[in-house]
């Protein structure tokens, strides 16, 4: 685990995908890690899963309280959201699905898409070049900046955990917590 100065703990994945062999990550190992975090009193666990629906990803999605489908407001991004939603529904996870629009420029009009998907948008994260810089420098943008994307991520956090609303966040914690959320 790597600890950010805010208190956020991050378990980094392997630098290269591990598909099989003795180093492969098994669902039991992921479950052990998640359960250990819960025993340690961690309130939120956020897991960024792989695009495949292998054993580990399926276990994580089944164990999650909420599954966030991220939509990039482009033709390809919307098509990916349709495909992801269909695959997740086939796994019986439709009741857990929520949607986050990422890298939105302006006000994206996704009403028809949300109508088709039978969902609603939980948050919109605007395009912010700081996000790309943070990704390239391996930083967590929501912790290190005050730009529009960081503000939207803080708002999403407050939606998931209301006591982290902007006033409470500044007065009490000021960092992004963990809970078993996926997306």
N, C-alpha and C. Protein backbone atom coordinates (compact mmCIF):
# COMPACT_ATOMS: atom_id res chain seq x y z
N UNK A 1 0.85 -1.18 0.00
CA UNK A 1 0.00 0.00 0.00
C UNK A 1 0.89 1.24 0.00
N UNK A 2 0.48 2.20 -0.79
CA UNK A 2 1.15 3.49 -0.82
C UNK A 2 0.21 4.47 -0.14
N UNK A 3 0.73 5.30 0.76
CA UNK A 3 -0.11 6.25 1.47
C UNK A 3 0.16 7.66 0.96
N UNK A 4 -0.91 8.35 0.56
CA UNK A 4 -0.85 9.75 0.15
C UNK A 4 -0.83 10.60 1.41
N UNK A 5 -0.29 11.80 1.33
CA UNK A 5 -0.20 12.68 2.50
C UNK A 5 -1.58 13.00 3.10
N UNK A 6 -2.64 12.79 2.33
CA UNK A 6 -4.00 13.03 2.80
C UNK A 6 -4.52 11.89 3.67
N UNK A 7 -3.83 10.75 3.64
CA UNK A 7 -4.31 9.58 4.36
C UNK A 7 -4.86 8.52 3.42
N UNK A 8 -5.10 8.86 2.17
CA UNK A 8 -5.59 7.92 1.17
C UNK A 8 -4.55 6.82 0.99
N UNK A 9 -5.01 5.57 1.01
CA UNK A 9 -4.11 4.44 0.77
C UNK A 9 -4.43 3.85 -0.58
N UNK A 10 -3.39 3.51 -1.34
CA UNK A 10 -3.56 2.98 -2.69
C UNK A 10 -2.75 1.71 -2.82
N UNK A 11 -3.41 0.69 -3.33
CA UNK A 11 -2.72 -0.55 -3.67
C UNK A 11 -2.58 -0.54 -5.18
N UNK A 12 -1.37 -0.37 -5.63
CA UNK A 12 -1.12 -0.26 -7.07
C UNK A 12 -1.13 -1.63 -7.72
N UNK A 13 -1.66 -1.68 -8.92
CA UNK A 13 -1.67 -2.91 -9.68
C UNK A 13 -0.30 -3.17 -10.27
N UNK A 14 -0.14 -4.33 -10.89
CA UNK A 14 1.15 -4.65 -11.51
C UNK A 14 1.41 -3.73 -12.70
N UNK A 15 2.69 -3.48 -13.02
CA UNK A 15 3.00 -2.59 -14.14
C UNK A 15 2.56 -3.16 -15.49
N UNK A 16 2.46 -4.48 -15.59
CA UNK A 16 2.01 -5.13 -16.81
C UNK A 16 0.86 -6.06 -16.46
N UNK A 17 -0.07 -6.25 -17.37
CA UNK A 17 -1.16 -7.20 -17.09
C UNK A 17 -0.62 -8.60 -16.83
N UNK A 18 -1.19 -9.24 -15.83
CA UNK A 18 -0.79 -10.60 -15.48
C UNK A 18 -1.98 -11.50 -15.79
N UNK A 19 -1.90 -12.27 -16.85
CA UNK A 19 -3.03 -13.08 -17.30
C UNK A 19 -3.08 -14.43 -16.62
N UNK A 20 -1.93 -15.07 -16.43
CA UNK A 20 -1.95 -16.41 -15.85
C UNK A 20 -0.60 -16.69 -15.22
N UNK A 21 -0.49 -17.87 -14.67
CA UNK A 21 0.76 -18.28 -14.04
C UNK A 21 0.74 -18.01 -12.55
N UNK A 22 1.84 -18.24 -11.88
CA UNK A 22 1.88 -18.13 -10.42
C UNK A 22 1.66 -16.70 -9.91
N UNK A 23 1.93 -15.71 -10.74
CA UNK A 23 1.76 -14.32 -10.30
C UNK A 23 0.35 -13.78 -10.56
N UNK A 24 -0.52 -14.59 -11.18
CA UNK A 24 -1.86 -14.13 -11.52
C UNK A 24 -2.65 -13.81 -10.25
N UNK A 25 -3.43 -12.78 -10.32
CA UNK A 25 -4.27 -12.37 -9.20
C UNK A 25 -5.54 -13.20 -9.21
N UNK A 26 -5.85 -13.83 -8.12
CA UNK A 26 -7.03 -14.69 -8.01
C UNK A 26 -8.10 -13.99 -7.19
N UNK A 27 -9.38 -14.30 -7.42
CA UNK A 27 -10.46 -13.69 -6.64
C UNK A 27 -10.27 -13.84 -5.13
N UNK A 28 -9.77 -14.98 -4.69
CA UNK A 28 -9.57 -15.19 -3.25
C UNK A 28 -8.58 -14.19 -2.68
N UNK A 29 -7.56 -13.85 -3.44
CA UNK A 29 -6.56 -12.88 -2.97
C UNK A 29 -7.17 -11.48 -2.91
N UNK A 30 -7.96 -11.12 -3.90
CA UNK A 30 -8.64 -9.82 -3.90
C UNK A 30 -9.60 -9.75 -2.71
N UNK A 31 -10.35 -10.83 -2.49
CA UNK A 31 -11.28 -10.87 -1.35
C UNK A 31 -10.52 -10.70 -0.04
N UNK A 32 -9.39 -11.35 0.08
CA UNK A 32 -8.57 -11.22 1.29
C UNK A 32 -8.15 -9.77 1.52
N UNK A 33 -7.72 -9.10 0.46
CA UNK A 33 -7.29 -7.70 0.58
C UNK A 33 -8.46 -6.82 0.99
N UNK A 34 -9.61 -6.99 0.33
CA UNK A 34 -10.79 -6.17 0.64
C UNK A 34 -11.24 -6.42 2.08
N UNK A 35 -11.30 -7.68 2.50
CA UNK A 35 -11.73 -8.00 3.86
C UNK A 35 -10.75 -7.46 4.90
N UNK A 36 -9.47 -7.49 4.59
CA UNK A 36 -8.48 -6.92 5.52
C UNK A 36 -8.69 -5.42 5.65
N UNK A 37 -8.94 -4.74 4.55
CA UNK A 37 -9.21 -3.30 4.61
C UNK A 37 -10.45 -3.01 5.46
N UNK A 38 -11.49 -3.81 5.27
CA UNK A 38 -12.71 -3.62 6.06
C UNK A 38 -12.44 -3.86 7.54
N UNK A 39 -11.66 -4.90 7.89
CA UNK A 39 -11.30 -5.16 9.29
C UNK A 39 -10.50 -4.01 9.88
N UNK A 40 -9.70 -3.35 9.03
CA UNK A 40 -8.91 -2.20 9.48
C UNK A 40 -9.75 -0.94 9.64
N UNK A 41 -11.04 -1.04 9.33
CA UNK A 41 -11.94 0.10 9.51
C UNK A 41 -12.06 1.02 8.31
N UNK A 42 -11.58 0.59 7.16
CA UNK A 42 -11.68 1.41 5.96
C UNK A 42 -13.16 1.48 5.55
N UNK A 43 -13.65 2.68 5.31
CA UNK A 43 -15.06 2.87 4.98
C UNK A 43 -15.35 2.75 3.49
N UNK A 44 -14.40 3.14 2.66
CA UNK A 44 -14.60 3.15 1.23
C UNK A 44 -13.45 2.43 0.54
N UNK A 45 -13.79 1.54 -0.37
CA UNK A 45 -12.80 0.89 -1.22
C UNK A 45 -13.23 1.17 -2.65
N UNK A 46 -12.37 1.81 -3.41
CA UNK A 46 -12.64 2.10 -4.81
C UNK A 46 -11.73 1.21 -5.63
N UNK A 47 -12.32 0.43 -6.52
CA UNK A 47 -11.53 -0.49 -7.33
C UNK A 47 -11.77 -0.18 -8.80
N UNK A 48 -10.71 0.11 -9.51
CA UNK A 48 -10.78 0.35 -10.94
C UNK A 48 -10.50 -0.98 -11.61
N UNK A 49 -11.54 -1.60 -12.13
CA UNK A 49 -11.41 -2.95 -12.67
C UNK A 49 -10.95 -2.94 -14.13
N UNK A 50 -10.48 -4.09 -14.54
CA UNK A 50 -10.07 -4.28 -15.93
C UNK A 50 -11.31 -4.32 -16.82
N UNK A 51 -11.10 -4.19 -18.11
CA UNK A 51 -12.20 -4.20 -19.06
C UNK A 51 -12.76 -5.60 -19.28
N UNK A 52 -12.00 -6.63 -18.92
CA UNK A 52 -12.47 -7.99 -19.13
C UNK A 52 -13.46 -8.37 -18.02
N UNK A 53 -14.18 -9.45 -18.25
CA UNK A 53 -15.09 -9.96 -17.22
C UNK A 53 -14.59 -11.30 -16.71
N UNK A 54 -13.29 -11.34 -16.41
CA UNK A 54 -12.68 -12.54 -15.86
C UNK A 54 -13.09 -12.74 -14.41
N UNK A 55 -12.50 -13.73 -13.77
CA UNK A 55 -12.88 -14.12 -12.42
C UNK A 55 -12.69 -13.00 -11.40
N UNK A 56 -11.57 -12.29 -11.47
CA UNK A 56 -11.31 -11.22 -10.50
C UNK A 56 -12.30 -10.08 -10.70
N UNK A 57 -12.47 -9.62 -11.93
CA UNK A 57 -13.39 -8.52 -12.19
C UNK A 57 -14.82 -8.89 -11.79
N UNK A 58 -15.23 -10.10 -12.11
CA UNK A 58 -16.59 -10.55 -11.76
C UNK A 58 -16.78 -10.60 -10.25
N UNK A 59 -15.76 -11.07 -9.50
CA UNK A 59 -15.87 -11.09 -8.04
C UNK A 59 -16.01 -9.68 -7.50
N UNK A 60 -15.16 -8.76 -7.98
CA UNK A 60 -15.21 -7.38 -7.50
C UNK A 60 -16.57 -6.76 -7.79
N UNK A 61 -17.07 -6.93 -9.00
CA UNK A 61 -18.37 -6.36 -9.36
C UNK A 61 -19.49 -6.94 -8.52
N UNK A 62 -19.43 -8.23 -8.23
CA UNK A 62 -20.46 -8.87 -7.41
C UNK A 62 -20.41 -8.38 -5.97
N UNK A 63 -19.23 -8.10 -5.46
CA UNK A 63 -19.05 -7.68 -4.07
C UNK A 63 -19.34 -6.18 -3.87
N UNK A 64 -19.34 -5.42 -4.95
CA UNK A 64 -19.48 -3.96 -4.84
C UNK A 64 -20.89 -3.55 -4.46
N UNK A 65 -20.98 -2.43 -3.77
CA UNK A 65 -22.28 -1.83 -3.46
C UNK A 65 -22.82 -1.09 -4.68
N UNK A 66 -21.96 -0.37 -5.38
CA UNK A 66 -22.33 0.40 -6.57
C UNK A 66 -21.31 0.12 -7.66
N UNK A 67 -21.79 0.07 -8.89
CA UNK A 67 -20.92 -0.09 -10.05
C UNK A 67 -21.13 1.15 -10.92
N UNK A 68 -20.05 1.88 -11.15
CA UNK A 68 -20.12 3.09 -11.95
C UNK A 68 -19.62 2.82 -13.35
N UNK A 69 -20.48 3.07 -14.32
CA UNK A 69 -20.09 2.98 -15.72
C UNK A 69 -19.66 4.37 -16.12
N UNK A 70 -18.44 4.50 -16.59
CA UNK A 70 -17.91 5.80 -16.98
C UNK A 70 -18.18 6.00 -18.47
N UNK A 71 -18.79 7.14 -18.78
CA UNK A 71 -19.13 7.47 -20.17
C UNK A 71 -18.29 8.66 -20.61
N UNK A 72 -17.52 8.48 -21.65
CA UNK A 72 -16.86 9.61 -22.30
C UNK A 72 -17.83 10.08 -23.38
N UNK A 73 -18.19 11.37 -23.38
CA UNK A 73 -19.23 11.84 -24.31
C UNK A 73 -18.74 11.98 -25.76
N UNK A 74 -18.36 10.85 -26.32
CA UNK A 74 -18.00 10.75 -27.73
C UNK A 74 -18.80 9.58 -28.29
N UNK A 75 -18.86 9.46 -29.59
CA UNK A 75 -19.61 8.36 -30.19
C UNK A 75 -19.08 7.01 -29.69
N UNK A 76 -17.77 6.84 -29.68
CA UNK A 76 -17.18 5.59 -29.20
C UNK A 76 -17.42 5.38 -27.72
N UNK A 77 -17.32 6.45 -26.93
CA UNK A 77 -17.54 6.35 -25.49
C UNK A 77 -18.97 5.95 -25.15
N UNK A 78 -19.93 6.50 -25.87
CA UNK A 78 -21.34 6.15 -25.66
C UNK A 78 -21.58 4.70 -26.05
N UNK A 79 -21.02 4.28 -27.18
CA UNK A 79 -21.16 2.88 -27.61
C UNK A 79 -20.57 1.94 -26.56
N UNK A 80 -19.41 2.30 -25.99
CA UNK A 80 -18.81 1.49 -24.93
C UNK A 80 -19.73 1.39 -23.72
N UNK A 81 -20.41 2.49 -23.38
CA UNK A 81 -21.33 2.48 -22.25
C UNK A 81 -22.49 1.53 -22.51
N UNK A 82 -23.01 1.51 -23.74
CA UNK A 82 -24.08 0.57 -24.09
C UNK A 82 -23.59 -0.88 -23.91
N UNK A 83 -22.40 -1.16 -24.44
CA UNK A 83 -21.85 -2.52 -24.35
C UNK A 83 -21.61 -2.93 -22.89
N UNK A 84 -21.01 -2.01 -22.14
CA UNK A 84 -20.72 -2.31 -20.72
C UNK A 84 -22.00 -2.56 -19.95
N UNK A 85 -23.00 -1.71 -20.17
CA UNK A 85 -24.27 -1.86 -19.46
C UNK A 85 -24.90 -3.21 -19.77
N UNK A 86 -24.90 -3.58 -21.02
CA UNK A 86 -25.50 -4.87 -21.41
C UNK A 86 -24.76 -6.03 -20.76
N UNK A 87 -23.44 -6.01 -20.79
CA UNK A 87 -22.66 -7.09 -20.18
C UNK A 87 -22.89 -7.15 -18.67
N UNK A 88 -22.96 -6.00 -18.02
CA UNK A 88 -23.17 -5.98 -16.57
C UNK A 88 -24.57 -6.44 -16.20
N UNK A 89 -25.54 -6.12 -17.02
CA UNK A 89 -26.90 -6.61 -16.77
C UNK A 89 -26.98 -8.12 -16.92
N UNK A 90 -26.26 -8.67 -17.88
CA UNK A 90 -26.25 -10.13 -18.05
C UNK A 90 -25.67 -10.83 -16.82
N UNK A 91 -24.78 -10.13 -16.11
CA UNK A 91 -24.21 -10.67 -14.87
C UNK A 91 -25.14 -10.47 -13.67
N UNK A 92 -26.30 -9.83 -13.90
CA UNK A 92 -27.24 -9.59 -12.81
C UNK A 92 -26.91 -8.37 -11.98
N UNK A 93 -26.15 -7.43 -12.53
CA UNK A 93 -25.70 -6.27 -11.78
C UNK A 93 -26.45 -4.98 -12.13
N UNK A 94 -27.51 -5.10 -12.92
CA UNK A 94 -28.23 -3.90 -13.37
C UNK A 94 -28.68 -3.00 -12.25
N UNK A 95 -29.06 -3.56 -11.12
CA UNK A 95 -29.54 -2.76 -9.98
C UNK A 95 -28.43 -1.95 -9.31
N UNK A 96 -27.18 -2.25 -9.59
CA UNK A 96 -26.04 -1.54 -8.99
C UNK A 96 -25.50 -0.42 -9.88
N UNK A 97 -25.98 -0.34 -11.11
CA UNK A 97 -25.36 0.56 -12.09
C UNK A 97 -25.69 2.02 -11.85
N UNK A 98 -24.64 2.83 -11.95
CA UNK A 98 -24.75 4.29 -11.93
C UNK A 98 -23.80 4.78 -13.01
N UNK A 99 -24.00 6.01 -13.45
CA UNK A 99 -23.22 6.52 -14.59
C UNK A 99 -22.50 7.81 -14.22
N UNK A 100 -21.26 7.91 -14.69
CA UNK A 100 -20.45 9.11 -14.52
C UNK A 100 -19.95 9.52 -15.90
N UNK A 101 -20.19 10.76 -16.26
CA UNK A 101 -19.69 11.29 -17.52
C UNK A 101 -18.30 11.85 -17.24
N UNK A 102 -17.33 11.46 -18.02
CA UNK A 102 -15.95 11.89 -17.81
C UNK A 102 -15.44 12.70 -18.99
N UNK A 103 -14.66 13.72 -18.69
CA UNK A 103 -14.03 14.59 -19.69
C UNK A 103 -15.07 15.27 -20.58
N UNK A 104 -16.12 15.76 -19.94
CA UNK A 104 -17.20 16.45 -20.66
C UNK A 104 -16.77 17.87 -21.02
N UNK A 105 -17.06 18.24 -22.23
CA UNK A 105 -16.83 19.61 -22.68
C UNK A 105 -18.20 20.26 -22.80
N UNK A 106 -18.43 21.29 -22.02
CA UNK A 106 -19.74 21.91 -22.01
C UNK A 106 -20.74 21.03 -21.29
N UNK A 107 -22.00 21.18 -21.67
CA UNK A 107 -23.07 20.38 -21.07
C UNK A 107 -23.44 19.24 -22.03
N UNK A 108 -22.97 18.03 -21.78
CA UNK A 108 -23.27 16.93 -22.70
C UNK A 108 -24.76 16.59 -22.65
N UNK A 109 -25.36 16.38 -23.81
CA UNK A 109 -26.76 16.01 -23.89
C UNK A 109 -26.85 14.49 -24.02
N UNK A 110 -27.03 13.84 -22.90
CA UNK A 110 -27.09 12.38 -22.89
C UNK A 110 -28.45 11.88 -22.42
N UNK A 111 -29.48 12.72 -22.52
CA UNK A 111 -30.82 12.33 -22.08
C UNK A 111 -31.31 11.09 -22.82
N UNK A 112 -31.15 11.07 -24.14
CA UNK A 112 -31.61 9.93 -24.93
C UNK A 112 -30.83 8.67 -24.55
N UNK A 113 -29.53 8.81 -24.36
CA UNK A 113 -28.69 7.67 -23.98
C UNK A 113 -29.14 7.13 -22.63
N UNK A 114 -29.34 8.03 -21.66
CA UNK A 114 -29.77 7.58 -20.33
C UNK A 114 -31.17 6.95 -20.39
N UNK A 115 -32.01 7.47 -21.25
CA UNK A 115 -33.33 6.84 -21.44
C UNK A 115 -33.20 5.44 -21.98
N UNK A 116 -32.33 5.25 -22.97
CA UNK A 116 -32.09 3.92 -23.54
C UNK A 116 -31.51 2.98 -22.49
N UNK A 117 -30.59 3.49 -21.68
CA UNK A 117 -29.91 2.65 -20.69
C UNK A 117 -30.75 2.45 -19.43
N UNK A 118 -31.79 3.27 -19.28
CA UNK A 118 -32.62 3.17 -18.09
C UNK A 118 -31.88 3.59 -16.84
N UNK A 119 -30.97 4.54 -16.99
CA UNK A 119 -30.19 5.00 -15.84
C UNK A 119 -30.21 6.50 -15.73
N UNK A 120 -29.42 6.98 -14.79
CA UNK A 120 -29.28 8.42 -14.64
C UNK A 120 -27.81 8.74 -14.36
N UNK A 121 -27.44 9.93 -14.69
CA UNK A 121 -26.06 10.36 -14.50
C UNK A 121 -25.88 10.79 -13.04
N UNK A 122 -24.94 10.18 -12.37
CA UNK A 122 -24.64 10.51 -10.97
C UNK A 122 -23.72 11.72 -10.88
N UNK A 123 -22.84 11.89 -11.87
CA UNK A 123 -21.89 13.00 -11.83
C UNK A 123 -21.36 13.27 -13.23
N UNK A 124 -20.95 14.51 -13.43
CA UNK A 124 -20.30 14.91 -14.67
C UNK A 124 -18.95 15.51 -14.29
N UNK A 125 -17.88 14.91 -14.79
CA UNK A 125 -16.53 15.42 -14.56
C UNK A 125 -16.11 16.14 -15.82
N UNK A 126 -15.91 17.47 -15.73
CA UNK A 126 -15.58 18.22 -16.93
C UNK A 126 -14.16 17.95 -17.42
N UNK A 127 -13.97 18.23 -18.70
CA UNK A 127 -12.62 18.14 -19.26
C UNK A 127 -11.74 19.14 -18.52
N UNK A 128 -10.56 18.71 -18.14
CA UNK A 128 -9.62 19.56 -17.43
C UNK A 128 -8.22 19.04 -17.77
N UNK A 129 -7.40 19.84 -18.44
CA UNK A 129 -6.06 19.35 -18.82
C UNK A 129 -5.22 18.94 -17.62
N UNK A 130 -5.56 19.40 -16.44
CA UNK A 130 -4.83 19.03 -15.23
C UNK A 130 -4.94 17.53 -14.98
N UNK A 131 -6.07 16.93 -15.39
CA UNK A 131 -6.27 15.50 -15.19
C UNK A 131 -5.24 14.70 -15.98
N UNK A 132 -5.03 15.07 -17.22
CA UNK A 132 -4.04 14.37 -18.05
C UNK A 132 -2.64 14.53 -17.46
N UNK A 133 -2.32 15.73 -17.00
CA UNK A 133 -1.01 15.94 -16.37
C UNK A 133 -0.87 15.09 -15.12
N UNK A 134 -1.91 15.03 -14.30
CA UNK A 134 -1.87 14.23 -13.07
C UNK A 134 -1.70 12.75 -13.40
N UNK A 135 -2.42 12.29 -14.42
CA UNK A 135 -2.30 10.88 -14.82
C UNK A 135 -0.87 10.58 -15.27
N UNK A 136 -0.30 11.45 -16.07
CA UNK A 136 1.06 11.23 -16.56
C UNK A 136 2.10 11.30 -15.45
N UNK A 137 1.79 12.02 -14.37
CA UNK A 137 2.72 12.14 -13.25
C UNK A 137 2.35 11.23 -12.09
N UNK A 138 1.36 10.37 -12.31
CA UNK A 138 0.91 9.39 -11.31
C UNK A 138 0.47 10.08 -10.01
N UNK A 139 -0.33 11.12 -10.16
CA UNK A 139 -0.89 11.84 -9.02
C UNK A 139 -2.41 11.66 -9.04
N UNK A 140 -3.03 11.84 -7.88
CA UNK A 140 -4.48 11.79 -7.77
C UNK A 140 -4.98 13.22 -7.88
N UNK A 141 -5.61 13.56 -9.01
CA UNK A 141 -5.98 14.94 -9.30
C UNK A 141 -6.93 15.51 -8.25
N UNK A 142 -7.82 14.71 -7.70
CA UNK A 142 -8.79 15.22 -6.73
C UNK A 142 -8.12 15.62 -5.43
N UNK A 143 -6.92 15.11 -5.19
CA UNK A 143 -6.23 15.43 -3.95
C UNK A 143 -5.24 16.58 -4.11
N UNK A 144 -4.74 16.78 -5.30
CA UNK A 144 -3.64 17.70 -5.50
C UNK A 144 -4.01 19.01 -6.18
N UNK A 145 -5.26 19.18 -6.64
CA UNK A 145 -5.62 20.40 -7.36
C UNK A 145 -6.97 20.92 -6.90
N UNK A 146 -7.30 22.09 -7.40
CA UNK A 146 -8.60 22.69 -7.08
C UNK A 146 -9.35 23.04 -8.35
N UNK A 147 -9.02 22.42 -9.47
CA UNK A 147 -9.65 22.72 -10.75
C UNK A 147 -11.05 22.15 -10.86
N UNK A 148 -11.68 22.33 -12.03
CA UNK A 148 -13.06 21.87 -12.22
C UNK A 148 -13.23 20.36 -12.10
N UNK A 149 -12.27 19.59 -12.57
CA UNK A 149 -12.39 18.13 -12.45
C UNK A 149 -12.27 17.71 -10.99
N UNK A 150 -11.34 18.29 -10.27
CA UNK A 150 -11.20 17.97 -8.85
C UNK A 150 -12.46 18.33 -8.09
N UNK A 151 -13.06 19.47 -8.38
CA UNK A 151 -14.30 19.87 -7.72
C UNK A 151 -15.42 18.87 -8.01
N UNK A 152 -15.52 18.42 -9.27
CA UNK A 152 -16.55 17.45 -9.64
C UNK A 152 -16.32 16.11 -8.93
N UNK A 153 -15.08 15.70 -8.78
CA UNK A 153 -14.78 14.46 -8.07
C UNK A 153 -15.12 14.58 -6.59
N UNK A 154 -14.86 15.74 -6.01
CA UNK A 154 -15.25 15.98 -4.61
C UNK A 154 -16.77 15.94 -4.47
N UNK A 155 -17.48 16.51 -5.44
CA UNK A 155 -18.95 16.47 -5.40
C UNK A 155 -19.45 15.04 -5.51
N UNK A 156 -18.82 14.22 -6.36
CA UNK A 156 -19.20 12.82 -6.48
C UNK A 156 -18.96 12.12 -5.15
N UNK A 157 -17.85 12.41 -4.51
CA UNK A 157 -17.56 11.82 -3.20
C UNK A 157 -18.64 12.19 -2.19
N UNK A 158 -19.06 13.46 -2.20
CA UNK A 158 -20.10 13.91 -1.28
C UNK A 158 -21.44 13.23 -1.58
N UNK A 159 -21.69 12.92 -2.84
CA UNK A 159 -22.92 12.20 -3.21
C UNK A 159 -22.90 10.80 -2.58
N UNK A 160 -21.74 10.16 -2.61
CA UNK A 160 -21.61 8.82 -2.06
C UNK A 160 -21.58 8.82 -0.54
N UNK A 161 -21.05 9.87 0.03
CA UNK A 161 -20.88 9.96 1.48
C UNK A 161 -21.21 11.40 1.88
N UNK A 162 -22.49 11.68 2.15
CA UNK A 162 -22.96 13.06 2.33
C UNK A 162 -22.21 13.91 3.35
N UNK A 163 -21.62 13.31 4.35
CA UNK A 163 -20.91 14.14 5.33
C UNK A 163 -19.66 14.78 4.74
N UNK A 164 -19.31 14.40 3.51
CA UNK A 164 -18.17 15.02 2.84
C UNK A 164 -18.61 16.13 1.89
N UNK A 165 -19.82 16.65 2.09
CA UNK A 165 -20.27 17.79 1.30
C UNK A 165 -19.25 18.90 1.47
N UNK A 166 -19.19 19.86 0.53
CA UNK A 166 -18.11 20.85 0.54
C UNK A 166 -17.79 21.48 1.89
N UNK A 167 -18.76 21.89 2.67
CA UNK A 167 -18.46 22.52 3.95
C UNK A 167 -17.83 21.52 4.90
N UNK A 168 -18.44 20.36 5.03
CA UNK A 168 -17.90 19.33 5.92
C UNK A 168 -16.53 18.87 5.45
N UNK A 169 -16.35 18.77 4.12
CA UNK A 169 -15.08 18.30 3.58
C UNK A 169 -13.94 19.22 3.97
N UNK A 170 -14.14 20.53 3.83
CA UNK A 170 -13.08 21.47 4.16
C UNK A 170 -12.81 21.46 5.66
N UNK A 171 -13.87 21.36 6.47
CA UNK A 171 -13.70 21.45 7.91
C UNK A 171 -13.14 20.19 8.53
N UNK A 172 -13.47 19.02 7.95
CA UNK A 172 -13.13 17.78 8.63
C UNK A 172 -12.06 16.95 7.95
N UNK A 173 -12.27 16.58 6.70
CA UNK A 173 -11.39 15.58 6.11
C UNK A 173 -10.50 16.11 5.00
N UNK A 174 -11.11 16.71 4.00
CA UNK A 174 -10.33 17.25 2.90
C UNK A 174 -9.68 16.23 2.00
N UNK A 175 -10.11 14.99 2.04
CA UNK A 175 -9.51 13.98 1.18
C UNK A 175 -10.57 13.02 0.70
N UNK A 176 -10.25 12.28 -0.34
CA UNK A 176 -11.17 11.34 -0.96
C UNK A 176 -11.12 10.02 -0.19
N UNK A 177 -12.24 9.57 0.43
CA UNK A 177 -12.22 8.33 1.21
C UNK A 177 -12.42 7.10 0.33
N UNK A 178 -12.43 5.97 0.95
CA UNK A 178 -12.60 4.70 0.26
C UNK A 178 -13.87 4.02 0.73
N UNK A 179 -14.53 3.34 -0.13
CA UNK A 179 -15.63 2.43 0.17
C UNK A 179 -15.69 1.46 -0.99
N UNK A 180 -16.29 0.36 -0.80
CA UNK A 180 -16.31 -0.64 -1.86
C UNK A 180 -17.20 -0.14 -2.99
N UNK A 181 -16.65 0.67 -3.85
CA UNK A 181 -17.33 1.21 -5.03
C UNK A 181 -16.51 0.82 -6.23
N UNK A 182 -17.17 0.59 -7.33
CA UNK A 182 -16.44 0.17 -8.52
C UNK A 182 -16.84 1.06 -9.68
N UNK A 183 -15.94 1.32 -10.56
CA UNK A 183 -16.29 2.04 -11.77
C UNK A 183 -15.17 2.52 -12.56
